[in-house]
């Protein structure tokens, strides 16, 4: 998954177009590299799943 696609998915989460986005274990490192460089990084919550996949959700209030 390339950086542009990842940013598109994150923007969809931010706008409410997507409620959550599932990231496979194999895509996690590239996804994380992009997400930590965003200004709204603290608005995203990643929830680890059994097997190594992650579910990302956008929070209106940034996490602490």
N, C-alpha and C. Protein backbone atom coordinates (compact mmCIF):
# COMPACT_ATOMS: atom_id res chain seq x y z
N UNK A 1 0.85 -1.17 0.00
CA UNK A 1 0.00 0.00 0.00
C UNK A 1 0.90 1.24 0.00
N UNK A 2 0.64 2.17 -0.90
CA UNK A 2 1.49 3.35 -1.00
C UNK A 2 0.98 4.48 -0.09
N UNK A 3 1.81 5.50 0.08
CA UNK A 3 1.52 6.61 0.99
C UNK A 3 0.25 7.36 0.60
N UNK A 4 0.03 7.56 -0.67
CA UNK A 4 -1.16 8.28 -1.13
C UNK A 4 -2.44 7.52 -0.75
N UNK A 5 -2.46 6.24 -0.95
CA UNK A 5 -3.63 5.41 -0.62
C UNK A 5 -3.89 5.44 0.89
N UNK A 6 -2.82 5.35 1.67
CA UNK A 6 -2.97 5.38 3.12
C UNK A 6 -3.57 6.72 3.56
N UNK A 7 -3.05 7.82 3.01
CA UNK A 7 -3.59 9.13 3.37
C UNK A 7 -5.05 9.28 2.95
N UNK A 8 -5.42 8.69 1.83
CA UNK A 8 -6.82 8.73 1.39
C UNK A 8 -7.71 8.01 2.40
N UNK A 9 -7.28 6.85 2.87
CA UNK A 9 -8.06 6.09 3.86
C UNK A 9 -8.17 6.86 5.17
N UNK A 10 -7.07 7.48 5.59
CA UNK A 10 -7.09 8.27 6.83
C UNK A 10 -8.00 9.48 6.70
N UNK A 11 -7.99 10.11 5.54
CA UNK A 11 -8.89 11.25 5.30
C UNK A 11 -10.35 10.80 5.30
N UNK A 12 -10.61 9.60 4.79
CA UNK A 12 -11.97 9.06 4.82
C UNK A 12 -12.43 8.80 6.25
N UNK A 13 -11.53 8.33 7.09
CA UNK A 13 -11.86 8.14 8.50
C UNK A 13 -12.14 9.49 9.15
N UNK A 14 -11.31 10.46 8.86
CA UNK A 14 -11.46 11.80 9.45
C UNK A 14 -12.78 12.45 9.05
N UNK A 15 -13.17 12.29 7.79
CA UNK A 15 -14.40 12.92 7.30
C UNK A 15 -15.66 12.17 7.73
N UNK A 16 -15.50 10.95 8.23
CA UNK A 16 -16.65 10.15 8.64
C UNK A 16 -17.18 9.26 7.53
N UNK A 17 -16.54 9.31 6.38
CA UNK A 17 -16.93 8.46 5.26
C UNK A 17 -16.75 6.98 5.63
N UNK A 18 -15.70 6.70 6.41
CA UNK A 18 -15.47 5.36 6.96
C UNK A 18 -15.56 5.44 8.47
N UNK A 19 -16.19 4.44 9.10
CA UNK A 19 -16.25 4.38 10.56
C UNK A 19 -14.97 3.78 11.14
N UNK A 20 -14.42 2.81 10.42
CA UNK A 20 -13.19 2.15 10.84
C UNK A 20 -12.50 1.57 9.62
N UNK A 21 -11.21 1.32 9.77
CA UNK A 21 -10.44 0.77 8.67
C UNK A 21 -9.54 -0.34 9.20
N UNK A 22 -9.62 -1.50 8.58
CA UNK A 22 -8.83 -2.66 8.99
C UNK A 22 -7.50 -2.68 8.22
N UNK A 23 -6.42 -2.83 8.97
CA UNK A 23 -5.08 -2.89 8.39
C UNK A 23 -4.50 -4.27 8.70
N UNK A 24 -4.08 -4.96 7.66
CA UNK A 24 -3.49 -6.29 7.82
C UNK A 24 -2.10 -6.17 8.46
N UNK A 25 -1.70 -7.22 9.12
CA UNK A 25 -0.40 -7.27 9.79
C UNK A 25 0.74 -6.90 8.83
N UNK A 26 0.64 -7.35 7.61
CA UNK A 26 1.69 -7.11 6.62
C UNK A 26 1.78 -5.64 6.20
N UNK A 27 0.71 -4.89 6.35
CA UNK A 27 0.68 -3.48 5.94
C UNK A 27 0.90 -2.53 7.10
N UNK A 28 0.99 -3.05 8.31
CA UNK A 28 1.03 -2.20 9.49
C UNK A 28 2.19 -1.22 9.50
N UNK A 29 3.40 -1.66 9.23
CA UNK A 29 4.55 -0.76 9.33
C UNK A 29 4.48 0.40 8.35
N UNK A 30 4.06 0.14 7.11
CA UNK A 30 3.95 1.24 6.16
C UNK A 30 2.81 2.18 6.56
N UNK A 31 1.71 1.62 7.08
CA UNK A 31 0.58 2.43 7.53
C UNK A 31 0.99 3.30 8.71
N UNK A 32 1.69 2.72 9.66
CA UNK A 32 2.11 3.45 10.85
C UNK A 32 3.08 4.57 10.51
N UNK A 33 3.99 4.33 9.58
CA UNK A 33 4.94 5.36 9.17
C UNK A 33 4.22 6.61 8.68
N UNK A 34 3.15 6.43 7.94
CA UNK A 34 2.38 7.56 7.41
C UNK A 34 1.58 8.23 8.52
N UNK A 35 0.91 7.44 9.34
CA UNK A 35 -0.01 8.00 10.34
C UNK A 35 0.72 8.82 11.40
N UNK A 36 1.92 8.43 11.82
CA UNK A 36 2.63 9.16 12.87
C UNK A 36 3.16 10.51 12.38
N UNK A 37 3.23 10.70 11.08
CA UNK A 37 3.71 11.97 10.53
C UNK A 37 2.58 12.97 10.25
N UNK A 38 1.36 12.59 10.53
CA UNK A 38 0.22 13.49 10.31
C UNK A 38 0.02 14.40 11.51
N UNK A 39 -0.47 15.62 11.24
CA UNK A 39 -0.76 16.58 12.31
C UNK A 39 -1.85 16.08 13.24
N UNK A 40 -2.79 15.31 12.71
CA UNK A 40 -3.92 14.81 13.51
C UNK A 40 -3.68 13.39 14.04
N UNK A 41 -2.42 13.02 14.19
CA UNK A 41 -2.04 11.68 14.63
C UNK A 41 -2.78 11.23 15.89
N UNK A 42 -2.92 12.11 16.88
CA UNK A 42 -3.52 11.72 18.15
C UNK A 42 -5.03 11.52 18.06
N UNK A 43 -5.62 11.82 16.94
CA UNK A 43 -7.06 11.58 16.75
C UNK A 43 -7.34 10.15 16.29
N UNK A 44 -6.32 9.43 15.89
CA UNK A 44 -6.51 8.06 15.42
C UNK A 44 -6.23 7.07 16.53
N UNK A 45 -7.10 6.10 16.66
CA UNK A 45 -6.92 5.03 17.64
C UNK A 45 -6.79 3.72 16.89
N UNK A 46 -5.72 3.00 17.17
CA UNK A 46 -5.52 1.67 16.60
C UNK A 46 -5.83 0.62 17.63
N UNK A 47 -6.66 -0.32 17.28
CA UNK A 47 -7.06 -1.40 18.19
C UNK A 47 -6.52 -2.70 17.62
N UNK A 48 -5.58 -3.30 18.36
CA UNK A 48 -4.95 -4.55 17.90
C UNK A 48 -5.95 -5.70 17.96
N UNK A 49 -5.89 -6.53 16.97
CA UNK A 49 -6.75 -7.71 16.87
C UNK A 49 -5.89 -8.97 16.99
N UNK A 50 -6.52 -10.04 17.36
CA UNK A 50 -5.81 -11.31 17.42
C UNK A 50 -5.35 -11.67 16.01
N UNK A 51 -4.10 -12.04 15.87
CA UNK A 51 -3.55 -12.37 14.57
C UNK A 51 -2.70 -11.26 13.98
N UNK A 52 -2.69 -10.08 14.64
CA UNK A 52 -1.80 -9.01 14.21
C UNK A 52 -2.42 -7.91 13.39
N UNK A 53 -3.68 -8.00 13.02
CA UNK A 53 -4.29 -6.91 12.26
C UNK A 53 -4.70 -5.79 13.23
N UNK A 54 -4.94 -4.62 12.69
CA UNK A 54 -5.29 -3.44 13.48
C UNK A 54 -6.55 -2.82 12.91
N UNK A 55 -7.44 -2.35 13.78
CA UNK A 55 -8.60 -1.58 13.37
C UNK A 55 -8.35 -0.14 13.79
N UNK A 56 -8.38 0.77 12.82
CA UNK A 56 -8.19 2.19 13.12
C UNK A 56 -9.53 2.90 13.10
N UNK A 57 -9.70 3.80 14.06
CA UNK A 57 -10.88 4.65 14.15
C UNK A 57 -10.43 6.08 14.39
N UNK A 58 -11.25 7.02 13.96
CA UNK A 58 -10.95 8.44 14.17
C UNK A 58 -11.74 8.95 15.36
N UNK A 59 -11.05 9.65 16.27
CA UNK A 59 -11.69 10.22 17.46
C UNK A 59 -11.83 11.73 17.29
N UNK A 60 -12.97 12.28 17.68
CA UNK A 60 -13.17 13.72 17.59
C UNK A 60 -12.26 14.46 18.57
N UNK A 61 -12.07 13.88 19.74
CA UNK A 61 -11.16 14.44 20.74
C UNK A 61 -9.83 13.69 20.66
N UNK A 62 -8.70 14.40 20.61
CA UNK A 62 -7.42 13.69 20.56
C UNK A 62 -7.17 12.92 21.85
N UNK A 63 -6.53 11.79 21.70
CA UNK A 63 -6.19 10.99 22.88
C UNK A 63 -5.02 11.65 23.59
N UNK A 64 -4.86 11.36 24.84
CA UNK A 64 -3.78 12.00 25.62
C UNK A 64 -2.47 11.26 25.46
